[in-house]
Amino acid sequence: MNKDEKLIDGICRTRIEEVPVARLKPHKGNARKHPRAQIAKIAESIKTFGWLTPILIDHDHTIIAGHGRVMAAKLLGLMSVPAIRVEHLSQGQVRAYMLADNRLAELAEWDKDTLEKELAELKSLDLDFDLEITGFDLDQLDVSFDANDQDQGKDRAQAAAPGQAKRQCAKKNATIGKNPPRDEDFRPVSRPGDRWVLELSDQQVDTTIQRWQELTGQDARLEQTGQTFAEVSKERASEVDAANPLAGPITAQLIAN
């Protein structure tokens, strides 16, 4: 089978399947970094629009494209995601595609006038979701993003609504360590010491804690004893309990640090 025949065969055999998130593995050659703020926005996008683009995986459930979406899926607690299994590419082609899939999109340019028109029209609509889900900061929507139009951007910023100017000043002052933003400016989802009570099965609790540890880089601890999740898991695995009292719903508490 020549190259063209392999390509056609791969296209013809393309199908979408549901794959458990727990079986997915990040590719060692993934050169893209996904900061937490981006993952949160991807998660919000999935909640708002649904899962519209399948990820790409190989025969061994290694992610080829969609690392950020999988991280967002874990954040949302999704158990499975739609995926397309790519099996007609060589290892070299897979690695090259991973770079091309990210880099080629970066080579496109924004049509500034059309973008600003679209954002302005969207702001005028009665939307049931936050417009920042587009990836654009609301504080920047009324300001030109073109670095060559800095003067025009300053004029627009000065003419911005009072509420917008207030947010801009709060962010600027927070950056230089003056006048920290008040609660009405930025409302955090969680604060140190907050308790999140989860009514889940033992398996779901374990999965949730593991994903929390992966996303935060912290160790979850049992409040009563201070033991880490790993220590509790090891201790629990060594116990033999025929009645298995953890099979039903249980309550788990995560304490934000």
Protein backbone atom coordinates (compact mmCIF):
# COMPACT_ATOMS: atom_id res chain seq x y z
CA MET A 1 0.00 0.00 0.00
CA ASN A 2 1.57 3.32 -1.09
CA LYS A 3 1.41 6.65 0.76
CA ASP A 4 -1.76 7.88 -0.98
CA GLU A 5 -3.54 4.58 -0.41
CA LYS A 6 -2.62 4.68 3.29
CA LEU A 7 -3.98 8.21 3.55
CA ILE A 8 -7.28 7.27 1.90
CA ASP A 9 -7.53 4.14 4.02
CA GLY A 10 -6.98 6.16 7.18
CA ILE A 11 -9.68 8.64 6.21
CA CYS A 12 -12.17 5.91 5.33
CA ARG A 13 -11.63 4.14 8.65
CA THR A 14 -11.97 7.31 10.74
CA ARG A 15 -14.61 6.97 13.41
CA ILE A 16 -15.34 8.66 16.73
CA GLU A 17 -15.33 6.55 19.88
CA GLU A 18 -15.82 7.26 23.57
CA VAL A 19 -12.59 6.69 25.49
CA PRO A 20 -12.24 6.60 29.31
CA VAL A 21 -10.23 9.57 30.53
CA ALA A 22 -8.35 7.34 32.95
CA ARG A 23 -6.82 5.39 30.05
CA LEU A 24 -5.47 8.45 28.22
CA LYS A 25 -1.75 9.20 28.41
CA PRO A 26 0.02 12.45 27.51
CA HIS A 27 2.54 12.23 24.68
CA LYS A 28 6.14 12.64 25.80
CA GLY A 29 6.78 14.82 22.75
CA ASN A 30 4.03 17.32 23.52
CA ALA A 31 5.79 20.69 23.33
CA ARG A 32 2.80 22.81 24.32
CA LYS A 33 2.32 24.08 27.87
CA HIS A 34 -1.16 24.67 29.24
CA PRO A 35 -1.37 27.13 32.15
CA ARG A 36 -4.17 26.65 34.65
CA ALA A 37 -5.98 29.78 33.48
CA GLN A 38 -6.21 28.38 29.96
CA ILE A 39 -7.42 24.99 31.19
CA ALA A 40 -10.16 26.73 33.18
CA LYS A 41 -11.29 28.61 30.07
CA ILE A 42 -11.28 25.43 27.99
CA ALA A 43 -13.39 23.75 30.67
CA GLU A 44 -15.84 26.65 30.65
CA SER A 45 -16.02 26.45 26.86
CA ILE A 46 -16.86 22.75 27.04
CA LYS A 47 -19.58 23.45 29.62
CA THR A 48 -21.07 26.17 27.41
CA PHE A 49 -20.81 24.71 23.91
CA GLY A 50 -20.41 20.99 24.58
CA TRP A 51 -17.58 18.77 23.33
CA LEU A 52 -17.43 19.62 19.61
CA THR A 53 -13.96 18.44 18.59
CA PRO A 54 -12.73 14.88 19.28
CA ILE A 55 -9.18 14.44 20.53
CA LEU A 56 -6.71 12.33 18.56
CA ILE A 57 -5.08 9.25 20.09
CA ASP A 58 -2.92 6.36 18.92
CA HIS A 59 -3.48 2.62 19.34
CA ASP A 60 -2.08 2.79 22.89
CA HIS A 61 -4.38 5.63 24.06
CA THR A 62 -1.53 8.15 23.89
CA ILE A 63 -2.80 11.64 23.10
CA ILE A 64 -1.73 13.06 19.75
CA ALA A 65 -3.88 16.20 19.79
CA GLY A 66 -6.07 17.52 22.59
CA HIS A 67 -3.86 17.55 25.69
CA GLY A 68 -5.47 20.76 26.93
CA ARG A 69 -8.98 19.44 26.38
CA VAL A 70 -8.18 16.26 28.31
CA MET A 71 -6.86 18.35 31.21
CA ALA A 72 -10.10 20.35 31.08
CA ALA A 73 -12.09 17.10 31.05
CA LYS A 74 -10.33 16.04 34.25
CA LEU A 75 -11.10 19.40 35.79
CA LEU A 76 -14.77 18.91 34.93
CA GLY A 77 -14.75 15.36 36.27
CA LEU A 78 -15.69 13.79 32.93
CA MET A 79 -15.28 10.03 32.84
CA SER A 80 -14.90 9.72 29.03
CA VAL A 81 -14.30 11.92 26.00
CA PRO A 82 -14.84 11.51 22.23
CA ALA A 83 -11.70 10.51 20.36
CA ILE A 84 -10.48 9.53 16.92
CA ARG A 85 -7.89 6.75 16.86
CA VAL A 86 -5.06 7.49 14.40
CA GLU A 87 -3.35 4.32 13.23
CA HIS A 88 -2.23 5.06 9.66
CA LEU A 89 0.65 7.40 10.56
CA SER A 90 4.22 6.43 11.39
CA GLN A 91 5.80 7.58 14.66
CA GLY A 92 7.71 10.24 12.76
CA GLN A 93 4.53 11.50 11.11
CA VAL A 94 2.72 11.61 14.45
CA ARG A 95 5.47 13.69 16.05
CA ALA A 96 5.61 16.06 13.08
CA TYR A 97 1.80 16.39 13.03
CA MET A 98 1.76 17.33 16.72
CA LEU A 99 4.04 20.26 15.99
CA ALA A 100 2.18 21.25 12.83
CA ASP A 101 -1.24 21.05 14.49
CA ASN A 102 -0.20 23.75 16.96
CA ARG A 103 2.22 25.81 14.91
CA LEU A 104 0.19 26.20 11.70
CA ALA A 105 -2.69 27.81 13.59
CA GLU A 106 -0.27 30.37 15.02
CA LEU A 107 0.69 31.48 11.51
CA ALA A 108 -2.79 32.85 10.85
CA GLU A 109 -3.51 36.55 11.39
CA TRP A 110 -6.52 38.31 12.87
CA ASP A 111 -8.61 40.62 10.74
CA LYS A 112 -8.71 43.38 13.34
CA ASP A 113 -11.74 45.21 11.95
CA THR A 114 -13.82 42.05 11.62
CA LEU A 115 -12.78 40.84 15.07
CA GLU A 116 -13.70 44.09 16.77
CA LYS A 117 -17.02 44.16 14.91
CA GLU A 118 -17.84 40.59 15.95
CA LEU A 119 -16.96 41.23 19.58
CA ALA A 120 -18.95 44.47 19.64
CA GLU A 121 -22.03 42.77 18.17
CA LEU A 122 -21.74 39.87 20.59
CA LYS A 123 -21.54 42.28 23.53
CA SER A 124 -24.79 43.87 22.39
CA LEU A 125 -26.63 40.54 22.42
CA ASP A 126 -28.41 39.09 25.43
CA LEU A 127 -26.04 36.16 25.86
CA ASP A 128 -26.47 33.58 28.60
CA PHE A 129 -22.73 33.10 28.97
CA ASP A 130 -19.65 35.18 29.71
CA LEU A 131 -18.10 36.63 26.56
CA GLU A 132 -14.62 36.02 27.97
CA ILE A 133 -15.21 32.40 27.03
CA THR A 134 -13.93 33.47 23.60
CA GLY A 135 -10.48 33.77 25.11
CA PHE A 136 -10.45 37.57 24.96
CA ASP A 137 -10.25 39.52 28.21
CA LEU A 138 -13.27 41.80 28.59
CA ASP A 139 -10.94 44.64 29.55
CA GLN A 140 -9.33 44.34 26.13
CA LEU A 141 -12.44 44.10 23.99
CA ASP A 142 -12.74 47.86 23.57
CA VAL A 143 -9.03 48.33 23.02
CA SER A 144 -7.13 47.54 19.83
CA PHE A 145 -4.94 44.46 20.22
CA ASP A 146 -2.60 45.61 17.46
CA ALA A 147 0.69 46.81 18.99
CA ASN A 148 1.06 49.30 16.17
CA ASP A 149 -2.12 51.11 17.29
CA GLN A 150 -1.04 51.85 20.87
CA ASP A 151 -2.13 55.50 20.74
CA GLN A 152 -5.57 54.55 19.47
CA GLY A 153 -5.79 51.93 22.20
CA LYS A 154 -5.01 54.52 24.90
CA ASP A 155 -7.75 56.82 23.61
CA ARG A 156 -10.29 54.00 23.65
CA ALA A 157 -9.22 52.90 27.11
CA GLN A 158 -9.77 56.41 28.46
CA ALA A 159 -13.25 56.47 26.93
CA ALA A 160 -14.15 53.08 28.40
CA ALA A 161 -17.11 52.69 30.74
CA PRO A 162 -16.49 53.45 34.45
CA GLY A 163 -16.93 49.83 35.42
CA GLN A 164 -14.35 48.70 32.90
CA ALA A 165 -11.89 51.43 33.95
CA LYS A 166 -12.36 50.32 37.54
CA ARG A 167 -11.41 46.75 36.69
CA GLN A 168 -8.38 47.90 34.71
CA CYS A 169 -7.13 50.07 37.57
CA ALA A 170 -7.67 47.26 40.07
CA LYS A 171 -5.62 44.84 37.97
CA LYS A 172 -2.85 47.40 37.40
CA ASN A 173 -2.60 48.31 41.08
CA ALA A 174 -2.62 44.65 42.10
CA THR A 175 0.30 44.03 39.73
CA ILE A 176 2.51 46.63 41.40
CA GLY A 177 1.38 45.67 44.90
CA LYS A 178 -0.85 48.68 45.61
CA ASN A 179 -4.52 48.82 46.47
CA PRO A 180 -5.34 45.09 46.15
CA PRO A 181 -8.63 44.46 44.31
CA ARG A 182 -11.68 44.15 46.48
CA ASP A 183 -14.05 41.19 46.57
CA GLU A 184 -16.44 42.89 44.16
CA ASP A 185 -13.60 43.22 41.62
CA PHE A 186 -12.47 39.59 41.67
CA ARG A 187 -14.41 36.81 43.32
CA PRO A 188 -12.29 33.65 43.82
CA VAL A 189 -13.96 30.28 43.57
CA SER A 190 -12.18 28.92 46.63
CA ARG A 191 -10.15 30.27 49.51
CA PRO A 192 -7.59 28.62 51.85
CA GLY A 193 -9.42 26.52 54.41
CA ASP A 194 -12.58 26.02 52.31
CA ARG A 195 -14.08 22.53 52.50
CA TRP A 196 -15.57 20.89 49.42
CA VAL A 197 -17.97 18.11 50.39
CA LEU A 198 -18.40 15.42 47.75
CA GLU A 199 -21.16 12.80 47.97
CA LEU A 200 -19.63 10.12 45.72
CA SER A 201 -18.71 6.45 45.63
CA ASP A 202 -15.25 5.44 46.84
CA GLN A 203 -13.99 4.98 43.27
CA GLN A 204 -15.25 8.41 42.23
CA VAL A 205 -13.71 10.00 45.31
CA ASP A 206 -10.35 8.38 44.55
CA THR A 207 -10.48 9.57 40.93
CA THR A 208 -11.48 13.09 41.97
CA ILE A 209 -8.68 13.35 44.53
CA GLN A 210 -6.10 12.00 42.08
CA ARG A 211 -7.14 14.56 39.46
CA TRP A 212 -7.08 17.35 42.05
CA GLN A 213 -3.53 16.37 43.00
CA GLU A 214 -2.48 16.29 39.33
CA LEU A 215 -3.90 19.75 38.64
CA THR A 216 -2.64 21.45 41.81
CA GLY A 217 0.62 19.58 42.39
CA GLN A 218 -0.38 19.22 46.06
CA ASP A 219 -1.01 16.20 48.28
CA ALA A 220 -4.55 15.69 49.57
CA ARG A 221 -4.58 14.82 53.29
CA LEU A 222 -7.09 13.14 55.55
CA GLU A 223 -8.32 15.87 57.88
CA GLN A 224 -8.61 13.65 60.94
CA THR A 225 -5.08 12.14 60.83
CA GLY A 226 -3.08 14.28 58.44
CA GLN A 227 -2.20 11.23 56.33
CA THR A 228 -1.62 11.79 52.62
CA PHE A 229 -3.93 10.24 50.05
CA ALA A 230 -1.13 7.85 49.01
CA GLU A 231 -0.67 6.69 52.61
CA VAL A 232 -4.39 6.15 53.11
CA SER A 233 -4.68 4.26 49.81
CA LYS A 234 -1.78 1.97 50.74
CA GLU A 235 -3.24 1.34 54.20
CA ARG A 236 -6.69 0.66 52.77
CA ALA A 237 -5.32 -1.74 50.16
CA SER A 238 -3.61 -3.78 52.86
CA GLU A 239 -6.84 -4.30 54.75
CA VAL A 240 -9.13 -7.18 53.93
CA ASP A 241 -12.77 -6.32 54.47
CA ALA A 242 -15.29 -8.78 53.06
CA ALA A 243 -18.18 -6.46 53.83
CA ASN A 244 -16.53 -3.66 51.79
CA PRO A 245 -18.29 -0.78 53.59
CA LEU A 246 -16.83 1.70 51.09
CA ALA A 247 -18.89 0.32 48.22
CA GLY A 248 -21.74 2.77 48.85
CA PRO A 249 -21.76 6.56 48.73
CA ILE A 250 -19.36 8.22 51.14
CA THR A 251 -18.46 11.78 51.99
CA ALA A 252 -15.01 13.12 51.20
CA GLN A 253 -13.61 16.49 52.15
CA LEU A 254 -10.90 18.38 50.29
CA ILE A 255 -9.32 21.28 52.15
CA ALA A 256 -7.99 24.06 49.92
CA ASN A 257 -4.44 25.09 50.76
